Amino acid sequence: EYDVRLVDGPSPQAGRVEIFHDNSWGTICDNTWSSTEAE
């Protein structure tokens, strides 16, 4: 639970952020998102 991955980007280092929760992968909404969360 809470594993993170990047998908659909041009390289393994870039992509849409997805987290694993409750046996499924899902996305994170951009509300309150900043460089701190990205770090």
PDB file of all heavy atoms in Angstrom:
ATOM      1  N   GLU A   1       0.830  -1.192   0.000  1.00  0.00           N
ATOM      2  CA  GLU A   1       0.000   0.000   0.000  1.00  0.00           C
ATOM      3  C   GLU A   1       0.875   1.257   0.000  1.00  0.00           C
ATOM      4  O   GLU A   1       1.894   1.310   0.669  1.00  0.00           O
ATOM      5  CB  GLU A   1      -0.909  -0.013   1.221  1.00  0.00           C
ATOM      6  CG  GLU A   1      -2.059   0.935   1.078  1.00  0.00           C
ATOM      7  CD  GLU A   1      -3.305   0.393   1.733  1.00  0.00           C
ATOM      8  OE1 GLU A   1      -3.469  -0.826   1.809  1.00  0.00           O
ATOM      9  OE2 GLU A   1      -4.104   1.221   2.159  1.00  0.00           O
ATOM     10  N   TYR A   2       0.471   2.265  -0.733  1.00  0.00           N
ATOM     11  CA  TYR A   2       1.133   3.556  -0.866  1.00  0.00           C
ATOM     12  C   TYR A   2       2.380   3.514  -1.743  1.00  0.00           C
ATOM     13  O   TYR A   2       3.139   4.453  -1.765  1.00  0.00           O
ATOM     14  CB  TYR A   2       1.496   4.168   0.489  1.00  0.00           C
ATOM     15  CG  TYR A   2       0.318   4.439   1.376  1.00  0.00           C
ATOM     16  CD1 TYR A   2       0.019   3.568   2.400  1.00  0.00           C
ATOM     17  CD2 TYR A   2      -0.488   5.546   1.183  1.00  0.00           C
ATOM     18  CE1 TYR A   2      -1.055   3.798   3.237  1.00  0.00           C
ATOM     19  CE2 TYR A   2      -1.569   5.783   2.009  1.00  0.00           C
ATOM     20  CZ  TYR A   2      -1.849   4.909   3.026  1.00  0.00           C
ATOM     21  OH  TYR A   2      -2.913   5.130   3.854  1.00  0.00           O
ATOM     22  N   ASP A   3       2.628   2.440  -2.464  1.00  0.00           N
ATOM     23  CA  ASP A   3       3.710   2.465  -3.428  1.00  0.00           C
ATOM     24  C   ASP A   3       3.407   3.547  -4.453  1.00  0.00           C
ATOM     25  O   ASP A   3       2.251   3.878  -4.702  1.00  0.00           O
ATOM     26  CB  ASP A   3       3.861   1.118  -4.127  1.00  0.00           C
ATOM     27  CG  ASP A   3       4.649   0.120  -3.304  1.00  0.00           C
ATOM     28  OD1 ASP A   3       5.231   0.507  -2.285  1.00  0.00           O
ATOM     29  OD2 ASP A   3       4.675  -1.054  -3.692  1.00  0.00           O
ATOM     30  N   VAL A   4       4.448   4.087  -5.044  1.00  0.00           N
ATOM     31  CA  VAL A   4       4.310   5.169  -6.020  1.00  0.00           C
ATOM     32  C   VAL A   4       4.974   4.742  -7.319  1.00  0.00           C
ATOM     33  O   VAL A   4       5.984   4.045  -7.313  1.00  0.00           O
ATOM     34  CB  VAL A   4       4.981   6.458  -5.491  1.00  0.00           C
ATOM     35  CG1 VAL A   4       4.977   7.555  -6.537  1.00  0.00           C
ATOM     36  CG2 VAL A   4       4.293   6.942  -4.234  1.00  0.00           C
ATOM     37  N   ARG A   5       4.410   5.170  -8.448  1.00  0.00           N
ATOM     38  CA  ARG A   5       5.029   4.938  -9.744  1.00  0.00           C
ATOM     39  C   ARG A   5       4.743   6.124 -10.654  1.00  0.00           C
ATOM     40  O   ARG A   5       3.834   6.919 -10.400  1.00  0.00           O
ATOM     41  CB  ARG A   5       4.519   3.650 -10.374  1.00  0.00           C
ATOM     42  CG  ARG A   5       3.057   3.699 -10.801  1.00  0.00           C
ATOM     43  CD  ARG A   5       2.593   2.384 -11.385  1.00  0.00           C
ATOM     44  NE  ARG A   5       1.205   2.457 -11.846  1.00  0.00           N
ATOM     45  CZ  ARG A   5       0.536   1.430 -12.333  1.00  0.00           C
ATOM     46  NH1 ARG A   5       1.120   0.242 -12.426  1.00  0.00           N
ATOM     47  NH2 ARG A   5      -0.709   1.580 -12.745  1.00  0.00           N
ATOM     48  N   LEU A   6       5.535   6.238 -11.721  1.00  0.00           N
ATOM     49  CA  LEU A   6       5.323   7.245 -12.762  1.00  0.00           C
ATOM     50  C   LEU A   6       4.952   6.493 -14.036  1.00  0.00           C
ATOM     51  O   LEU A   6       5.647   5.549 -14.421  1.00  0.00           O
ATOM     52  CB  LEU A   6       6.586   8.074 -12.985  1.00  0.00           C
ATOM     53  CG  LEU A   6       7.117   8.815 -11.768  1.00  0.00           C
ATOM     54  CD1 LEU A   6       8.394   9.579 -12.117  1.00  0.00           C
ATOM     55  CD2 LEU A   6       6.075   9.752 -11.194  1.00  0.00           C
ATOM     56  N   VAL A   7       3.860   6.897 -14.695  1.00  0.00           N
ATOM     57  CA  VAL A   7       3.400   6.199 -15.892  1.00  0.00           C
ATOM     58  C   VAL A   7       3.137   7.172 -17.036  1.00  0.00           C
ATOM     59  O   VAL A   7       2.888   8.360 -16.820  1.00  0.00           O
ATOM     60  CB  VAL A   7       2.119   5.369 -15.624  1.00  0.00           C
ATOM     61  CG1 VAL A   7       2.386   4.276 -14.604  1.00  0.00           C
ATOM     62  CG2 VAL A   7       0.985   6.239 -15.162  1.00  0.00           C
ATOM     63  N   ASP A   8       3.194   6.637 -18.244  1.00  0.00           N
ATOM     64  CA  ASP A   8       2.879   7.354 -19.484  1.00  0.00           C
ATOM     65  C   ASP A   8       3.778   8.548 -19.756  1.00  0.00           C
ATOM     66  O   ASP A   8       3.398   9.465 -20.488  1.00  0.00           O
ATOM     67  CB  ASP A   8       1.402   7.778 -19.525  1.00  0.00           C
ATOM     68  CG  ASP A   8       0.466   6.581 -19.609  1.00  0.00           C
ATOM     69  OD1 ASP A   8       0.932   5.505 -20.032  1.00  0.00           O
ATOM     70  OD2 ASP A   8      -0.707   6.723 -19.249  1.00  0.00           O
ATOM     71  N   GLY A   9       4.977   8.552 -19.212  1.00  0.00           N
ATOM     72  CA  GLY A   9       5.949   9.601 -19.498  1.00  0.00           C
ATOM     73  C   GLY A   9       6.945   9.130 -20.543  1.00  0.00           C
ATOM     74  O   GLY A   9       6.936   7.964 -20.944  1.00  0.00           O
ATOM     75  N   PRO A  10       7.837  10.007 -20.967  1.00  0.00           N
ATOM     76  CA  PRO A  10       8.804   9.660 -21.995  1.00  0.00           C
ATOM     77  C   PRO A  10       9.984   8.835 -21.477  1.00  0.00           C
ATOM     78  O   PRO A  10      10.771   8.322 -22.261  1.00  0.00           O
ATOM     79  CB  PRO A  10       9.287  11.027 -22.487  1.00  0.00           C
ATOM     80  CG  PRO A  10       9.130  11.904 -21.286  1.00  0.00           C
ATOM     81  CD  PRO A  10       7.891  11.416 -20.589  1.00  0.00           C
ATOM     82  N   SER A  11      10.121   8.704 -20.155  1.00  0.00           N
ATOM     83  CA  SER A  11      11.218   7.949 -19.557  1.00  0.00           C
ATOM     84  C   SER A  11      10.767   7.454 -18.183  1.00  0.00           C
ATOM     85  O   SER A  11       9.745   7.916 -17.660  1.00  0.00           O
ATOM     86  CB  SER A  11      12.454   8.836 -19.412  1.00  0.00           C
ATOM     87  OG  SER A  11      12.246   9.790 -18.378  1.00  0.00           O
ATOM     88  N   PRO A  12      11.517   6.540 -17.574  1.00  0.00           N
ATOM     89  CA  PRO A  12      11.143   6.087 -16.224  1.00  0.00           C
ATOM     90  C   PRO A  12      11.159   7.208 -15.184  1.00  0.00           C
ATOM     91  O   PRO A  12      10.498   7.119 -14.165  1.00  0.00           O
ATOM     92  CB  PRO A  12      12.198   5.035 -15.891  1.00  0.00           C
ATOM     93  CG  PRO A  12      12.693   4.558 -17.199  1.00  0.00           C
ATOM     94  CD  PRO A  12      12.624   5.753 -18.110  1.00  0.00           C
ATOM     95  N   GLN A  13      11.884   8.286 -15.441  1.00  0.00           N
ATOM     96  CA  GLN A  13      11.994   9.395 -14.498  1.00  0.00           C
ATOM     97  C   GLN A  13      10.854  10.404 -14.606  1.00  0.00           C
ATOM     98  O   GLN A  13      10.800  11.348 -13.828  1.00  0.00           O
ATOM     99  CB  GLN A  13      13.314  10.158 -14.697  1.00  0.00           C
ATOM    100  CG  GLN A  13      14.538   9.333 -14.443  1.00  0.00           C
ATOM    101  CD  GLN A  13      15.126   8.775 -15.715  1.00  0.00           C
ATOM    102  OE1 GLN A  13      14.454   8.137 -16.517  1.00  0.00           O
ATOM    103  NE2 GLN A  13      16.407   8.981 -15.906  1.00  0.00           N
ATOM    104  N   ALA A  14       9.969  10.240 -15.559  1.00  0.00           N
ATOM    105  CA  ALA A  14       8.914  11.234 -15.787  1.00  0.00           C
ATOM    106  C   ALA A  14       7.597  10.542 -16.095  1.00  0.00           C
ATOM    107  O   ALA A  14       7.563   9.536 -16.794  1.00  0.00           O
ATOM    108  CB  ALA A  14       9.297  12.153 -16.945  1.00  0.00           C
ATOM    109  N   GLY A  15       6.506  11.113 -15.565  1.00  0.00           N
ATOM    110  CA  GLY A  15       5.199  10.569 -15.871  1.00  0.00           C
ATOM    111  C   GLY A  15       4.142  10.995 -14.885  1.00  0.00           C
ATOM    112  O   GLY A  15       4.406  11.737 -13.934  1.00  0.00           O
ATOM    113  N   ARG A  16       2.941  10.509 -15.129  1.00  0.00           N
ATOM    114  CA  ARG A  16       1.826  10.766 -14.236  1.00  0.00           C
ATOM    115  C   ARG A  16       2.082  10.016 -12.929  1.00  0.00           C
ATOM    116  O   ARG A  16       2.469   8.853 -12.936  1.00  0.00           O
ATOM    117  CB  ARG A  16       0.523  10.293 -14.878  1.00  0.00           C
ATOM    118  CG  ARG A  16      -0.732  10.594 -14.076  1.00  0.00           C
ATOM    119  CD  ARG A  16      -2.016  10.178 -14.800  1.00  0.00           C
ATOM    120  NE  ARG A  16      -1.996   8.805 -15.256  1.00  0.00           N
ATOM    121  CZ  ARG A  16      -1.772   8.426 -16.513  1.00  0.00           C
ATOM    122  NH1 ARG A  16      -1.600   9.321 -17.468  1.00  0.00           N
ATOM    123  NH2 ARG A  16      -1.754   7.149 -16.844  1.00  0.00           N
ATOM    124  N   VAL A  17       1.855  10.673 -11.798  1.00  0.00           N
ATOM    125  CA  VAL A  17       2.073  10.052 -10.494  1.00  0.00           C
ATOM    126  C   VAL A  17       0.865   9.189 -10.143  1.00  0.00           C
ATOM    127  O   VAL A  17      -0.271   9.657 -10.181  1.00  0.00           O
ATOM    128  CB  VAL A  17       2.285  11.115  -9.394  1.00  0.00           C
ATOM    129  CG1 VAL A  17       2.484  10.445  -8.034  1.00  0.00           C
ATOM    130  CG2 VAL A  17       3.459  12.029  -9.736  1.00  0.00           C
ATOM    131  N   GLU A  18       1.129   7.934  -9.817  1.00  0.00           N
ATOM    132  CA  GLU A  18       0.078   7.046  -9.354  1.00  0.00           C
ATOM    133  C   GLU A  18       0.518   6.394  -8.053  1.00  0.00           C
ATOM    134  O   GLU A  18       1.704   6.130  -7.857  1.00  0.00           O
ATOM    135  CB  GLU A  18      -0.241   5.969 -10.397  1.00  0.00           C
ATOM    136  CG  GLU A  18      -0.861   6.535 -11.657  1.00  0.00           C
ATOM    137  CD  GLU A  18      -1.355   5.469 -12.622  1.00  0.00           C
ATOM    138  OE1 GLU A  18      -1.093   4.259 -12.394  1.00  0.00           O
ATOM    139  OE2 GLU A  18      -2.003   5.841 -13.610  1.00  0.00           O
ATOM    140  N   ILE A  19      -0.450   6.165  -7.164  1.00  0.00           N
ATOM    141  CA  ILE A  19      -0.169   5.476  -5.906  1.00  0.00           C
ATOM    142  C   ILE A  19      -1.026   4.232  -5.816  1.00  0.00           C
ATOM    143  O   ILE A  19      -2.112   4.167  -6.392  1.00  0.00           O
ATOM    144  CB  ILE A  19      -0.391   6.379  -4.675  1.00  0.00           C
ATOM    145  CG1 ILE A  19      -1.860   6.780  -4.546  1.00  0.00           C
ATOM    146  CG2 ILE A  19       0.499   7.603  -4.727  1.00  0.00           C
ATOM    147  CD1 ILE A  19      -2.185   7.369  -3.201  1.00  0.00           C
ATOM    148  N   PHE A  20      -0.510   3.247  -5.093  1.00  0.00           N
ATOM    149  CA  PHE A  20      -1.230   1.990  -4.903  1.00  0.00           C
ATOM    150  C   PHE A  20      -1.923   2.036  -3.557  1.00  0.00           C
ATOM    151  O   PHE A  20      -1.300   2.194  -2.511  1.00  0.00           O
ATOM    152  CB  PHE A  20      -0.248   0.814  -4.955  1.00  0.00           C
ATOM    153  CG  PHE A  20      -0.923  -0.519  -5.038  1.00  0.00           C
ATOM    154  CD1 PHE A  20      -1.440  -0.955  -6.239  1.00  0.00           C
ATOM    155  CD2 PHE A  20      -1.030  -1.329  -3.927  1.00  0.00           C
ATOM    156  CE1 PHE A  20      -2.067  -2.195  -6.340  1.00  0.00           C
ATOM    157  CE2 PHE A  20      -1.650  -2.565  -4.010  1.00  0.00           C
ATOM    158  CZ  PHE A  20      -2.166  -2.999  -5.219  1.00  0.00           C
ATOM    159  N   HIS A  21      -3.247   1.934  -3.585  1.00  0.00           N
ATOM    160  CA  HIS A  21      -4.046   1.964  -2.363  1.00  0.00           C
ATOM    161  C   HIS A  21      -5.258   1.056  -2.551  1.00  0.00           C
ATOM    162  O   HIS A  21      -5.893   1.066  -3.593  1.00  0.00           O
ATOM    163  CB  HIS A  21      -4.506   3.389  -2.056  1.00  0.00           C
ATOM    164  CG  HIS A  21      -5.476   3.463  -0.914  1.00  0.00           C
ATOM    165  ND1 HIS A  21      -5.097   3.242   0.383  1.00  0.00           N
ATOM    166  CD2 HIS A  21      -6.797   3.713  -0.890  1.00  0.00           C
ATOM    167  CE1 HIS A  21      -6.159   3.359   1.163  1.00  0.00           C
ATOM    168  NE2 HIS A  21      -7.204   3.646   0.412  1.00  0.00           N
ATOM    169  N   ASP A  22      -5.552   0.283  -1.528  1.00  0.00           N
ATOM    170  CA  ASP A  22      -6.730  -0.578  -1.533  1.00  0.00           C
ATOM    171  C   ASP A  22      -6.758  -1.489  -2.771  1.00  0.00           C
ATOM    172  O   ASP A  22      -7.758  -1.599  -3.480  1.00  0.00           O
ATOM    173  CB  ASP A  22      -8.001   0.272  -1.444  1.00  0.00           C
ATOM    174  CG  ASP A  22      -9.206  -0.519  -0.966  1.00  0.00           C
ATOM    175  OD1 ASP A  22      -9.008  -1.590  -0.340  1.00  0.00           O
ATOM    176  OD2 ASP A  22     -10.340  -0.065  -1.216  1.00  0.00           O
ATOM    177  N   ASN A  23      -5.592  -2.085  -3.073  1.00  0.00           N
ATOM    178  CA  ASN A  23      -5.422  -3.049  -4.169  1.00  0.00           C
ATOM    179  C   ASN A  23      -5.619  -2.479  -5.568  1.00  0.00           C
ATOM    180  O   ASN A  23      -5.955  -3.211  -6.499  1.00  0.00           O
ATOM    181  CB  ASN A  23      -6.327  -4.275  -3.972  1.00  0.00           C
ATOM    182  CG  ASN A  23      -5.932  -5.069  -2.762  1.00  0.00           C
ATOM    183  OD1 ASN A  23      -4.745  -5.296  -2.547  1.00  0.00           O
ATOM    184  ND2 ASN A  23      -6.904  -5.466  -1.966  1.00  0.00           N
ATOM    185  N   SER A  24      -5.442  -1.166  -5.737  1.00  0.00           N
ATOM    186  CA  SER A  24      -5.526  -0.598  -7.083  1.00  0.00           C
ATOM    187  C   SER A  24      -4.623   0.630  -7.201  1.00  0.00           C
ATOM    188  O   SER A  24      -4.332   1.305  -6.217  1.00  0.00           O
ATOM    189  CB  SER A  24      -6.969  -0.218  -7.431  1.00  0.00           C
ATOM    190  OG  SER A  24      -7.387   0.893  -6.668  1.00  0.00           O
ATOM    191  N   TRP A  25      -4.201   0.884  -8.430  1.00  0.00           N
ATOM    192  CA  TRP A  25      -3.425   2.089  -8.726  1.00  0.00           C
ATOM    193  C   TRP A  25      -4.394   3.218  -9.026  1.00  0.00           C
ATOM    194  O   TRP A  25      -5.395   3.014  -9.709  1.00  0.00           O
ATOM    195  CB  TRP A  25      -2.504   1.859  -9.926  1.00  0.00           C
ATOM    196  CG  TRP A  25      -1.344   0.981  -9.601  1.00  0.00           C
ATOM    197  CD1 TRP A  25      -1.234  -0.349  -9.868  1.00  0.00           C
ATOM    198  CD2 TRP A  25      -0.153   1.361  -8.930  1.00  0.00           C
ATOM    199  NE1 TRP A  25      -0.034  -0.814  -9.401  1.00  0.00           N
ATOM    200  CE2 TRP A  25       0.658   0.212  -8.829  1.00  0.00           C
ATOM    201  CE3 TRP A  25       0.327   2.570  -8.406  1.00  0.00           C
ATOM    202  CZ2 TRP A  25       1.912   0.226  -8.226  1.00  0.00           C
ATOM    203  CZ3 TRP A  25       1.577   2.589  -7.801  1.00  0.00           C
ATOM    204  CH2 TRP A  25       2.358   1.427  -7.713  1.00  0.00           C
ATOM    205  N   GLY A  26      -4.098   4.410  -8.524  1.00  0.00           N
ATOM    206  CA  GLY A  26      -4.926   5.578  -8.780  1.00  0.00           C
ATOM    207  C   GLY A  26      -4.064   6.827  -8.841  1.00  0.00           C
ATOM    208  O   GLY A  26      -2.886   6.813  -8.488  1.00  0.00           O
ATOM    209  N   THR A  27      -4.646   7.910  -9.253  1.00  0.00           N
ATOM    210  CA  THR A  27      -3.911   9.153  -9.468  1.00  0.00           C
ATOM    211  C   THR A  27      -4.038  10.100  -8.275  1.00  0.00           C
ATOM    212  O   THR A  27      -4.750   9.825  -7.318  1.00  0.00           O
ATOM    213  CB  THR A  27      -4.423   9.858 -10.738  1.00  0.00           C
ATOM    214  OG1 THR A  27      -5.799  10.165 -10.566  1.00  0.00           O
ATOM    215  CG2 THR A  27      -4.242   8.976 -11.969  1.00  0.00           C
ATOM    216  N   ILE A  28      -3.326  11.214  -8.379  1.00  0.00           N
ATOM    217  CA  ILE A  28      -3.361  12.274  -7.372  1.00  0.00           C
ATOM    218  C   ILE A  28      -3.814  13.546  -8.066  1.00  0.00           C
ATOM    219  O   ILE A  28      -3.279  13.918  -9.114  1.00  0.00           O
ATOM    220  CB  ILE A  28      -1.978  12.494  -6.727  1.00  0.00           C
ATOM    221  CG1 ILE A  28      -1.518  11.221  -6.000  1.00  0.00           C
ATOM    222  CG2 ILE A  28      -2.017  13.677  -5.761  1.00  0.00           C
ATOM    223  CD1 ILE A  28      -0.111  11.305  -5.439  1.00  0.00           C
ATOM    224  N   CYS A  29      -4.780  14.234  -7.479  1.00  0.00           N
ATOM    225  CA  CYS A  29      -5.301  15.491  -8.020  1.00  0.00           C
ATOM    226  C   CYS A  29      -4.294  16.610  -7.763  1.00  0.00           C
ATOM    227  O   CYS A  29      -3.575  16.611  -6.767  1.00  0.00           O
ATOM    228  CB  CYS A  29      -6.636  15.802  -7.344  1.00  0.00           C
ATOM    229  SG  CYS A  29      -7.446  17.277  -7.996  1.00  0.00           S
ATOM    230  N   ASP A  30      -4.262  17.613  -8.634  1.00  0.00           N
ATOM    231  CA  ASP A  30      -3.278  18.694  -8.512  1.00  0.00           C
ATOM    232  C   ASP A  30      -3.611  19.759  -7.467  1.00  0.00           C
ATOM    233  O   ASP A  30      -2.835  20.690  -7.266  1.00  0.00           O
ATOM    234  CB  ASP A  30      -3.020  19.347  -9.864  1.00  0.00           C
ATOM    235  CG  ASP A  30      -4.229  20.061 -10.440  1.00  0.00           C
ATOM    236  OD1 ASP A  30      -5.287  20.130  -9.780  1.00  0.00           O
ATOM    237  OD2 ASP A  30      -4.121  20.540 -11.588  1.00  0.00           O
ATOM    238  N   ASN A  31      -4.732  19.626  -6.752  1.00  0.00           N
ATOM    239  CA  ASN A  31      -5.041  20.574  -5.669  1.00  0.00           C
ATOM    240  C   ASN A  31      -3.935  20.532  -4.626  1.00  0.00           C
ATOM    241  O   ASN A  31      -3.587  19.462  -4.150  1.00  0.00           O
ATOM    242  CB  ASN A  31      -6.382  20.239  -5.006  1.00  0.00           C
ATOM    243  CG  ASN A  31      -7.551  20.450  -5.933  1.00  0.00           C
ATOM    244  OD1 ASN A  31      -7.469  21.193  -6.904  1.00  0.00           O
ATOM    245  ND2 ASN A  31      -8.648  19.764  -5.656  1.00  0.00           N
ATOM    246  N   THR A  32      -3.392  21.647  -4.259  1.00  0.00           N
ATOM    247  CA  THR A  32      -2.316  21.850  -3.277  1.00  0.00           C
ATOM    248  C   THR A  32      -0.976  21.253  -3.703  1.00  0.00           C
ATOM    249  O   THR A  32      -0.036  21.253  -2.919  1.00  0.00           O
ATOM    250  CB  THR A  32      -2.671  21.321  -1.856  1.00  0.00           C
ATOM    251  OG1 THR A  32      -2.680  19.902  -1.838  1.00  0.00           O
ATOM    252  CG2 THR A  32      -4.002  21.873  -1.379  1.00  0.00           C
ATOM    253  N   TRP A  33      -0.853  20.736  -4.911  1.00  0.00           N
ATOM    254  CA  TRP A  33       0.408  20.141  -5.377  1.00  0.00           C
ATOM    255  C   TRP A  33       1.459  21.227  -5.571  1.00  0.00           C
ATOM    256  O   TRP A  33       1.186  22.281  -6.132  1.00  0.00           O
ATOM    257  CB  TRP A  33       0.180  19.405  -6.689  1.00  0.00           C
ATOM    258  CG  TRP A  33       1.379  18.654  -7.174  1.00  0.00           C
ATOM    259  CD1 TRP A  33       2.303  19.079  -8.077  1.00  0.00           C
ATOM    260  CD2 TRP A  33       1.784  17.346  -6.770  1.00  0.00           C
ATOM    261  NE1 TRP A  33       3.255  18.118  -8.264  1.00  0.00           N
ATOM    262  CE2 TRP A  33       2.964  17.040  -7.471  1.00  0.00           C
ATOM    263  CE3 TRP A  33       1.265  16.403  -5.880  1.00  0.00           C
ATOM    264  CZ2 TRP A  33       3.638  15.828  -7.325  1.00  0.00           C
ATOM    265  CZ3 TRP A  33       1.933  15.203  -5.733  1.00  0.00           C
ATOM    266  CH2 TRP A  33       3.104  14.926  -6.452  1.00  0.00           C
ATOM    267  N   SER A  34       2.667  20.962  -5.099  1.00  0.00           N
ATOM    268  CA  SER A  34       3.779  21.907  -5.265  1.00  0.00           C
ATOM    269  C   SER A  34       5.077  21.125  -5.427  1.00  0.00           C
ATOM    270  O   SER A  34       5.082  19.895  -5.435  1.00  0.00           O
ATOM    271  CB  SER A  34       3.871  22.823  -4.041  1.00  0.00           C
ATOM    272  OG  SER A  34       4.362  22.107  -2.921  1.00  0.00           O
ATOM    273  N   SER A  35       6.184  21.844  -5.510  1.00  0.00           N
ATOM    274  CA  SER A  35       7.486  21.198  -5.633  1.00  0.00           C
ATOM    275  C   SER A  35       7.807  20.341  -4.407  1.00  0.00           C
ATOM    276  O   SER A  35       8.544  19.364  -4.508  1.00  0.00           O
ATOM    277  CB  SER A  35       8.583  22.223  -5.879  1.00  0.00           C
ATOM    278  OG  SER A  35       8.662  23.130  -4.806  1.00  0.00           O
ATOM    279  N   THR A  36       7.244  20.679  -3.255  1.00  0.00           N
ATOM    280  CA  THR A  36       7.487  19.896  -2.041  1.00  0.00           C
ATOM    281  C   THR A  36       6.938  18.484  -2.184  1.00  0.00           C
ATOM    282  O   THR A  36       7.619  17.501  -1.876  1.00  0.00           O
ATOM    283  CB  THR A  36       6.862  20.587  -0.813  1.00  0.00           C
ATOM    284  OG1 THR A  36       7.382  21.910  -0.722  1.00  0.00           O
ATOM    285  CG2 THR A  36       7.165  19.824   0.458  1.00  0.00           C
ATOM    286  N   GLU A  37       5.713  18.343  -2.659  1.00  0.00           N
ATOM    287  CA  GLU A  37       5.123  17.026  -2.871  1.00  0.00           C
ATOM    288  C   GLU A  37       5.882  16.274  -3.965  1.00  0.00           C
ATOM    289  O   GLU A  37       6.129  15.068  -3.849  1.00  0.00           O
ATOM    290  CB  GLU A  37       3.633  17.136  -3.226  1.00  0.00           C
ATOM    291  CG  GLU A  37       2.751  17.547  -2.066  1.00  0.00           C
ATOM    292  CD  GLU A  37       2.852  19.027  -1.695  1.00  0.00           C
ATOM    293  OE1 GLU A  37       3.157  19.852  -2.587  1.00  0.00           O
ATOM    294  OE2 GLU A  37       2.631  19.338  -0.515  1.00  0.00           O
ATOM    295  N   ALA A  38       6.277  16.981  -5.022  1.00  0.00           N
ATOM    296  CA  ALA A  38       7.041  16.361  -6.105  1.00  0.00           C
ATOM    297  C   ALA A  38       8.380  15.830  -5.580  1.00  0.00           C
ATOM    298  O   ALA A  38       8.820  14.742  -5.967  1.00  0.00           O
ATOM    299  CB  ALA A  38       7.270  17.361  -7.232  1.00  0.00           C
ATOM    300  N   GLU A  39       9.033  16.573  -4.685  1.00  0.00           N
ATOM    301  CA  GLU A  39      10.301  16.118  -4.105  1.00  0.00           C
ATOM    302  C   GLU A  39      10.125  14.833  -3.310  1.00  0.00           C
ATOM    303  O   GLU A  39      10.967  13.931  -3.384  1.00  0.00           O
ATOM    304  CB  GLU A  39      10.892  17.206  -3.207  1.00  0.00           C
ATOM    305  CG  GLU A  39      11.451  18.380  -3.966  1.00  0.00           C
ATOM    306  CD  GLU A  39      11.863  19.527  -3.062  1.00  0.00           C
ATOM    307  OE1 GLU A  39      12.015  19.327  -1.840  1.00  0.00           O
ATOM    308  OE2 GLU A  39      12.043  20.640  -3.595  1.00  0.00           O
TER     309      GLU A  39
END
